[in-house]
Amino acid sequence: MANAKTNTETHLDTGLGSKPTLIVVSGPPGAGKTTLAHEIARAVGCPAVCRDEIKEGMVHATPGCTPDLGDALNLRTLPAFFGVLELLVGAGVTTVAEAAFQDRLWRPGLEGLRERAEIRIVHCSVDADVAPARRLRRAEEDPVRAAHEPASPLDPAAHVRGHDGFDRVAVDAPWIEVDTTNGYAPGLKEIVAFMTGRGIRPSLG
């Protein structure tokens, strides 16, 4: 799509090299990251490593765990997430990595993988009033996903502040912004082409 936001000024080697591609899918909570990450992984034919799914596995192994008691699991999830990425990338496996981390958490882990992978980033964006409705719906429909949501109802004003203040991952790598408010814009085909290096275009500023 002509209005897709991208930045492809760096790391544009699209030849058949020995490095796998690490496709990073990030954005604020409720931005549709996990669903998109799995769709990209299916289209590319590679694994998807999702931070929340790792935590869900920990919750499953911790009877009685509630969102209020999740901090200890959060601390364990971070190194587990990047440890899995290191293992896959080190084995030459193209991988989709998905998390709602902000730059301060993404950057240290990704910088350590830069020499072993071609990094590409998908920034998921969504209207601020759509995200909390999605979070509430998934907590109601999927008890496992409820482990990631606060025990008390979301405060609308606090949500908007957190959503608008989200500090997106800013490592030096090609990126594309995808609006997930109503489907995907640009569409999945173009996203996958960009991620696999077949849809590289100059930055649109």
C-alpha atoms as a PDB file:
ATOM      1  CA  MET A   1       0.000   0.000   0.000  1.00  0.00           C
ATOM      2  CA  ALA A   2       1.301   3.424  -0.881  1.00  0.00           C
ATOM      3  CA  ASN A   3       0.743   4.884   2.584  1.00  0.00           C
ATOM      4  CA  ALA A   4       2.527   2.173   4.558  1.00  0.00           C
ATOM      5  CA  LYS A   5       5.041   3.582   7.029  1.00  0.00           C
ATOM      6  CA  THR A   6       8.460   1.977   6.669  1.00  0.00           C
ATOM      7  CA  ASN A   7      12.112   2.638   7.278  1.00  0.00           C
ATOM      8  CA  THR A   8      14.524   0.515   5.273  1.00  0.00           C
ATOM      9  CA  GLU A   9      17.640   2.648   5.167  1.00  0.00           C
ATOM     10  CA  THR A  10      19.803   0.100   7.001  1.00  0.00           C
ATOM     11  CA  HIS A  11      20.528  -3.641   6.855  1.00  0.00           C
ATOM     12  CA  LEU A  12      19.198  -4.136   3.347  1.00  0.00           C
ATOM     13  CA  ASP A  13      21.146  -7.239   2.354  1.00  0.00           C
ATOM     14  CA  THR A  14      18.389  -9.349   0.828  1.00  0.00           C
ATOM     15  CA  GLY A  15      20.620 -11.973  -0.720  1.00  0.00           C
ATOM     16  CA  LEU A  16      20.715 -15.607   0.304  1.00  0.00           C
ATOM     17  CA  GLY A  17      23.136 -15.209   3.194  1.00  0.00           C
ATOM     18  CA  SER A  18      23.754 -17.460   6.160  1.00  0.00           C
ATOM     19  CA  LYS A  19      21.899 -15.295   8.667  1.00  0.00           C
ATOM     20  CA  PRO A  20      18.331 -16.128   9.661  1.00  0.00           C
ATOM     21  CA  THR A  21      15.776 -13.333   9.940  1.00  0.00           C
ATOM     22  CA  LEU A  22      14.454 -12.273  13.339  1.00  0.00           C
ATOM     23  CA  ILE A  23      11.023 -10.724  12.813  1.00  0.00           C
ATOM     24  CA  VAL A  24      10.146  -8.597  15.835  1.00  0.00           C
ATOM     25  CA  VAL A  25       6.456  -7.849  16.400  1.00  0.00           C
ATOM     26  CA  SER A  26       5.840  -5.216  19.053  1.00  0.00           C
ATOM     27  CA  GLY A  27       3.353  -2.600  20.186  1.00  0.00           C
ATOM     28  CA  PRO A  28       1.224  -1.650  23.192  1.00  0.00           C
ATOM     29  CA  PRO A  29      -1.113  -4.116  24.937  1.00  0.00           C
ATOM     30  CA  GLY A  30      -4.219  -4.868  22.891  1.00  0.00           C
ATOM     31  CA  ALA A  31      -2.579  -3.990  19.571  1.00  0.00           C
ATOM     32  CA  GLY A  32      -3.136  -7.423  18.019  1.00  0.00           C
ATOM     33  CA  LYS A  33       0.515  -8.493  18.153  1.00  0.00           C
ATOM     34  CA  THR A  34       0.110 -12.153  19.035  1.00  0.00           C
ATOM     35  CA  THR A  35      -2.450 -12.854  16.327  1.00  0.00           C
ATOM     36  CA  LEU A  36      -0.349 -11.083  13.702  1.00  0.00           C
ATOM     37  CA  ALA A  37       2.848 -12.808  14.863  1.00  0.00           C
ATOM     38  CA  HIS A  38       1.294 -16.237  14.357  1.00  0.00           C
ATOM     39  CA  GLU A  39      -0.095 -15.260  10.956  1.00  0.00           C
ATOM     40  CA  ILE A  40       3.343 -14.050   9.832  1.00  0.00           C
ATOM     41  CA  ALA A  41       4.956 -17.235  11.157  1.00  0.00           C
ATOM     42  CA  ARG A  42       2.485 -19.438   9.274  1.00  0.00           C
ATOM     43  CA  ALA A  43       2.996 -17.461   6.072  1.00  0.00           C
ATOM     44  CA  VAL A  44       6.792 -17.531   6.329  1.00  0.00           C
ATOM     45  CA  GLY A  45       6.948 -21.105   7.611  1.00  0.00           C
ATOM     46  CA  CYS A  46       8.841 -20.496  10.842  1.00  0.00           C
ATOM     47  CA  PRO A  47       8.242 -20.592  14.608  1.00  0.00           C
ATOM     48  CA  ALA A  48       6.690 -17.762  16.603  1.00  0.00           C
ATOM     49  CA  VAL A  49       8.013 -17.074  20.098  1.00  0.00           C
ATOM     50  CA  CYS A  50       5.490 -15.043  22.084  1.00  0.00           C
ATOM     51  CA  ARG A  51       6.342 -13.613  25.477  1.00  0.00           C
ATOM     52  CA  ASP A  52       2.846 -14.006  26.907  1.00  0.00           C
ATOM     53  CA  GLU A  53       2.659 -17.638  25.822  1.00  0.00           C
ATOM     54  CA  ILE A  54       5.882 -18.365  27.709  1.00  0.00           C
ATOM     55  CA  LYS A  55       4.362 -16.762  30.790  1.00  0.00           C
ATOM     56  CA  GLU A  56       1.154 -18.742  30.263  1.00  0.00           C
ATOM     57  CA  GLY A  57       3.239 -21.910  30.431  1.00  0.00           C
ATOM     58  CA  MET A  58       4.712 -20.723  33.718  1.00  0.00           C
ATOM     59  CA  VAL A  59       1.245 -19.916  35.064  1.00  0.00           C
ATOM     60  CA  HIS A  60       0.115 -23.420  34.118  1.00  0.00           C
ATOM     61  CA  ALA A  61       2.987 -24.823  36.183  1.00  0.00           C
ATOM     62  CA  THR A  62       2.180 -22.518  39.141  1.00  0.00           C
ATOM     63  CA  PRO A  63      -1.207 -23.502  40.629  1.00  0.00           C
ATOM     64  CA  GLY A  64      -3.083 -20.619  42.205  1.00  0.00           C
ATOM     65  CA  CYS A  65      -1.135 -17.941  40.342  1.00  0.00           C
ATOM     66  CA  THR A  66      -3.068 -14.691  39.814  1.00  0.00           C
ATOM     67  CA  PRO A  67      -2.199 -11.466  37.963  1.00  0.00           C
ATOM     68  CA  ASP A  68      -1.445  -9.866  41.344  1.00  0.00           C
ATOM     69  CA  LEU A  69       1.269 -12.457  41.951  1.00  0.00           C
ATOM     70  CA  GLY A  70       2.707 -12.274  38.448  1.00  0.00           C
ATOM     71  CA  ASP A  71       5.763 -10.092  39.070  1.00  0.00           C
ATOM     72  CA  ALA A  72       7.998 -13.042  39.941  1.00  0.00           C
ATOM     73  CA  LEU A  73       6.924 -14.826  36.773  1.00  0.00           C
ATOM     74  CA  ASN A  74       7.528 -11.671  34.737  1.00  0.00           C
ATOM     75  CA  LEU A  75      11.128 -11.640  35.939  1.00  0.00           C
ATOM     76  CA  ARG A  76      11.553 -15.263  34.869  1.00  0.00           C
ATOM     77  CA  THR A  77       9.807 -14.743  31.542  1.00  0.00           C
ATOM     78  CA  LEU A  78      12.201 -12.071  30.240  1.00  0.00           C
ATOM     79  CA  PRO A  79      15.391 -14.198  30.216  1.00  0.00           C
ATOM     80  CA  ALA A  80      13.438 -17.245  29.063  1.00  0.00           C
ATOM     81  CA  PHE A  81      12.073 -15.302  26.077  1.00  0.00           C
ATOM     82  CA  PHE A  82      15.440 -14.037  24.899  1.00  0.00           C
ATOM     83  CA  GLY A  83      17.064 -17.371  25.720  1.00  0.00           C
ATOM     84  CA  VAL A  84      14.715 -19.134  23.296  1.00  0.00           C
ATOM     85  CA  LEU A  85      15.459 -16.514  20.630  1.00  0.00           C
ATOM     86  CA  GLU A  86      19.202 -16.966  21.135  1.00  0.00           C
ATOM     87  CA  LEU A  87      18.843 -20.729  20.766  1.00  0.00           C
ATOM     88  CA  LEU A  88      16.803 -20.522  17.561  1.00  0.00           C
ATOM     89  CA  VAL A  89      18.809 -17.740  15.928  1.00  0.00           C
ATOM     90  CA  GLY A  90      22.042 -19.478  16.899  1.00  0.00           C
ATOM     91  CA  ALA A  91      20.787 -22.590  15.112  1.00  0.00           C
ATOM     92  CA  GLY A  92      20.054 -20.563  11.976  1.00  0.00           C
ATOM     93  CA  VAL A  93      16.276 -20.539  12.381  1.00  0.00           C
ATOM     94  CA  THR A  94      14.246 -17.617  11.036  1.00  0.00           C
ATOM     95  CA  THR A  95      11.925 -16.696  13.904  1.00  0.00           C
ATOM     96  CA  VAL A  96       9.046 -14.367  14.755  1.00  0.00           C
ATOM     97  CA  ALA A  97       9.461 -12.771  18.205  1.00  0.00           C
ATOM     98  CA  GLU A  98       6.445 -11.059  19.785  1.00  0.00           C
ATOM     99  CA  ALA A  99       6.136  -9.053  22.991  1.00  0.00           C
ATOM    100  CA  ALA A 100       4.714  -5.793  24.333  1.00  0.00           C
ATOM    101  CA  PHE A 101       8.163  -4.783  25.563  1.00  0.00           C
ATOM    102  CA  GLN A 102       9.124  -1.155  25.247  1.00  0.00           C
ATOM    103  CA  ASP A 103      12.526  -0.096  23.925  1.00  0.00           C
ATOM    104  CA  ARG A 104      14.362  -0.403  27.246  1.00  0.00           C
ATOM    105  CA  LEU A 105      13.628  -4.141  27.359  1.00  0.00           C
ATOM    106  CA  TRP A 106      13.826  -4.932  23.640  1.00  0.00           C
ATOM    107  CA  ARG A 107      17.088  -3.123  22.928  1.00  0.00           C
ATOM    108  CA  PRO A 108      19.543  -5.079  25.151  1.00  0.00           C
ATOM    109  CA  GLY A 109      18.217  -8.424  23.943  1.00  0.00           C
ATOM    110  CA  LEU A 110      18.154  -7.485  20.264  1.00  0.00           C
ATOM    111  CA  GLU A 111      21.573  -5.862  20.245  1.00  0.00           C
ATOM    112  CA  GLY A 112      22.999  -9.163  21.434  1.00  0.00           C
ATOM    113  CA  LEU A 113      21.417 -10.927  18.433  1.00  0.00           C
ATOM    114  CA  ARG A 114      22.339  -8.407  15.756  1.00  0.00           C
ATOM    115  CA  GLU A 115      25.484 -10.183  14.557  1.00  0.00           C
ATOM    116  CA  ARG A 116      23.644 -13.483  14.142  1.00  0.00           C
ATOM    117  CA  ALA A 117      20.356 -12.374  12.567  1.00  0.00           C
ATOM    118  CA  GLU A 118      18.860  -9.929  10.106  1.00  0.00           C
ATOM    119  CA  ILE A 119      16.415  -8.012  12.288  1.00  0.00           C
ATOM    120  CA  ARG A 120      13.144  -6.654  10.919  1.00  0.00           C
ATOM    121  CA  ILE A 121      10.537  -4.918  13.034  1.00  0.00           C
ATOM    122  CA  VAL A 122       6.747  -4.742  12.859  1.00  0.00           C
ATOM    123  CA  HIS A 123       5.299  -1.864  14.889  1.00  0.00           C
ATOM    124  CA  CYS A 124       1.638  -2.658  15.642  1.00  0.00           C
ATOM    125  CA  SER A 125      -0.597   0.361  16.199  1.00  0.00           C
ATOM    126  CA  VAL A 126      -4.263   0.576  17.135  1.00  0.00           C
ATOM    127  CA  ASP A 127      -6.730   3.234  18.230  1.00  0.00           C
ATOM    128  CA  ALA A 128      -6.430   3.835  21.977  1.00  0.00           C
ATOM    129  CA  ASP A 129     -10.133   3.158  22.537  1.00  0.00           C
ATOM    130  CA  VAL A 130      -9.995  -0.197  20.723  1.00  0.00           C
ATOM    131  CA  ALA A 131      -7.178  -1.772  22.746  1.00  0.00           C
ATOM    132  CA  PRO A 132      -8.883  -1.959  26.180  1.00  0.00           C
ATOM    133  CA  ALA A 133     -11.990  -3.549  24.678  1.00  0.00           C
ATOM    134  CA  ARG A 134      -9.780  -6.224  23.104  1.00  0.00           C
ATOM    135  CA  ARG A 135      -7.995  -6.860  26.400  1.00  0.00           C
ATOM    136  CA  LEU A 136     -11.279  -7.195  28.270  1.00  0.00           C
ATOM    137  CA  ARG A 137     -12.730  -9.520  25.640  1.00  0.00           C
ATOM    138  CA  ARG A 138      -9.730 -11.849  25.578  1.00  0.00           C
ATOM    139  CA  ALA A 139      -9.648 -12.018  29.397  1.00  0.00           C
ATOM    140  CA  GLU A 140     -13.318 -13.030  29.397  1.00  0.00           C
ATOM    141  CA  GLU A 141     -13.047 -15.492  26.518  1.00  0.00           C
ATOM    142  CA  ASP A 142      -9.712 -17.104  27.384  1.00  0.00           C
ATOM    143  CA  PRO A 143      -9.020 -17.749  31.089  1.00  0.00           C
ATOM    144  CA  VAL A 144      -5.359 -18.447  30.340  1.00  0.00           C
ATOM    145  CA  ARG A 145      -4.904 -15.023  28.740  1.00  0.00           C
ATOM    146  CA  ALA A 146      -6.468 -13.458  31.840  1.00  0.00           C
ATOM    147  CA  ALA A 147      -3.155 -14.090  33.600  1.00  0.00           C
ATOM    148  CA  HIS A 148      -1.747 -11.042  31.793  1.00  0.00           C
ATOM    149  CA  GLU A 149      -4.503  -8.607  32.689  1.00  0.00           C
ATOM    150  CA  PRO A 150      -4.812  -6.509  35.864  1.00  0.00           C
ATOM    151  CA  ALA A 151      -7.018  -7.875  38.628  1.00  0.00           C
ATOM    152  CA  SER A 152      -9.062  -4.651  38.737  1.00  0.00           C
ATOM    153  CA  PRO A 153     -10.816  -3.040  35.739  1.00  0.00           C
ATOM    154  CA  LEU A 154      -8.684  -0.895  33.462  1.00  0.00           C
ATOM    155  CA  ASP A 155      -8.771   2.803  34.250  1.00  0.00           C
ATOM    156  CA  PRO A 156      -9.570   4.483  30.903  1.00  0.00           C
ATOM    157  CA  ALA A 157      -7.453   7.580  31.534  1.00  0.00           C
ATOM    158  CA  ALA A 158      -4.490   5.538  32.753  1.00  0.00           C
ATOM    159  CA  HIS A 159      -4.812   3.252  29.739  1.00  0.00           C
ATOM    160  CA  VAL A 160      -4.727   6.171  27.303  1.00  0.00           C
ATOM    161  CA  ARG A 161      -1.643   7.612  29.017  1.00  0.00           C
ATOM    162  CA  GLY A 162       0.145   4.275  28.856  1.00  0.00           C
ATOM    163  CA  HIS A 163      -0.947   3.656  25.270  1.00  0.00           C
ATOM    164  CA  ASP A 164       0.093   7.080  24.019  1.00  0.00           C
ATOM    165  CA  GLY A 165       3.357   6.974  25.969  1.00  0.00           C
ATOM    166  CA  PHE A 166       4.405   3.544  24.685  1.00  0.00           C
ATOM    167  CA  ASP A 167       8.122   3.725  23.817  1.00  0.00           C
ATOM    168  CA  ARG A 168       8.428   1.546  20.722  1.00  0.00           C
ATOM    169  CA  VAL A 169      11.521  -0.520  20.008  1.00  0.00           C
ATOM    170  CA  ALA A 170      14.038   1.711  18.258  1.00  0.00           C
ATOM    171  CA  VAL A 171      16.990  -0.476  17.282  1.00  0.00           C
ATOM    172  CA  ASP A 172      18.683   0.301  13.966  1.00  0.00           C
ATOM    173  CA  ALA A 173      16.804  -2.078  11.668  1.00  0.00           C
ATOM    174  CA  PRO A 174      14.219  -1.954   8.858  1.00  0.00           C
ATOM    175  CA  TRP A 175      10.695  -1.493  10.180  1.00  0.00           C
ATOM    176  CA  ILE A 176       7.113  -1.314   9.044  1.00  0.00           C
ATOM    177  CA  GLU A 177       4.091   0.083  10.887  1.00  0.00           C
ATOM    178  CA  VAL A 178       0.877  -1.940  10.753  1.00  0.00           C
ATOM    179  CA  ASP A 179      -2.472  -0.505  11.831  1.00  0.00           C
ATOM    180  CA  THR A 180      -4.488  -3.353  13.360  1.00  0.00           C
ATOM    181  CA  THR A 181      -7.600  -1.338  14.235  1.00  0.00           C
ATOM    182  CA  ASN A 182      -9.656  -3.028  11.506  1.00  0.00           C
ATOM    183  CA  GLY A 183      -7.739  -5.901   9.947  1.00  0.00           C
ATOM    184  CA  TYR A 184      -4.188  -5.113   8.824  1.00  0.00           C
ATOM    185  CA  ALA A 185      -3.043  -2.028   6.944  1.00  0.00           C
ATOM    186  CA  PRO A 186      -0.899  -2.786   5.018  1.00  0.00           C
ATOM    187  CA  GLY A 187      -2.171  -6.307   4.417  1.00  0.00           C
ATOM    188  CA  LEU A 188      -0.527  -9.558   5.461  1.00  0.00           C
ATOM    189  CA  LYS A 189       0.909 -10.253   1.995  1.00  0.00           C
ATOM    190  CA  GLU A 190       2.780  -6.953   1.967  1.00  0.00           C
ATOM    191  CA  ILE A 191       3.907  -7.380   5.573  1.00  0.00           C
ATOM    192  CA  VAL A 192       5.378 -10.804   4.806  1.00  0.00           C
ATOM    193  CA  ALA A 193       7.061  -9.500   1.644  1.00  0.00           C
ATOM    194  CA  PHE A 194       8.682  -6.745   3.688  1.00  0.00           C
ATOM    195  CA  MET A 195       9.783  -9.121   6.430  1.00  0.00           C
ATOM    196  CA  THR A 196      11.366 -11.555   3.979  1.00  0.00           C
ATOM    197  CA  GLY A 197      13.148  -8.811   2.045  1.00  0.00           C
ATOM    198  CA  ARG A 198      11.043  -9.070  -1.099  1.00  0.00           C
ATOM    199  CA  GLY A 199       9.144  -5.838  -0.527  1.00  0.00           C
ATOM    200  CA  ILE A 200      11.955  -3.435   0.361  1.00  0.00           C
ATOM    201  CA  ARG A 201      11.183   0.180  -0.450  1.00  0.00           C
ATOM    202  CA  PRO A 202      12.854   3.460   0.508  1.00  0.00           C
ATOM    203  CA  SER A 203      11.788   5.208   3.693  1.00  0.00           C
ATOM    204  CA  LEU A 204       8.689   7.349   3.362  1.00  0.00           C
ATOM    205  CA  GLY A 205       9.926   9.694   6.079  1.00  0.00           C
END
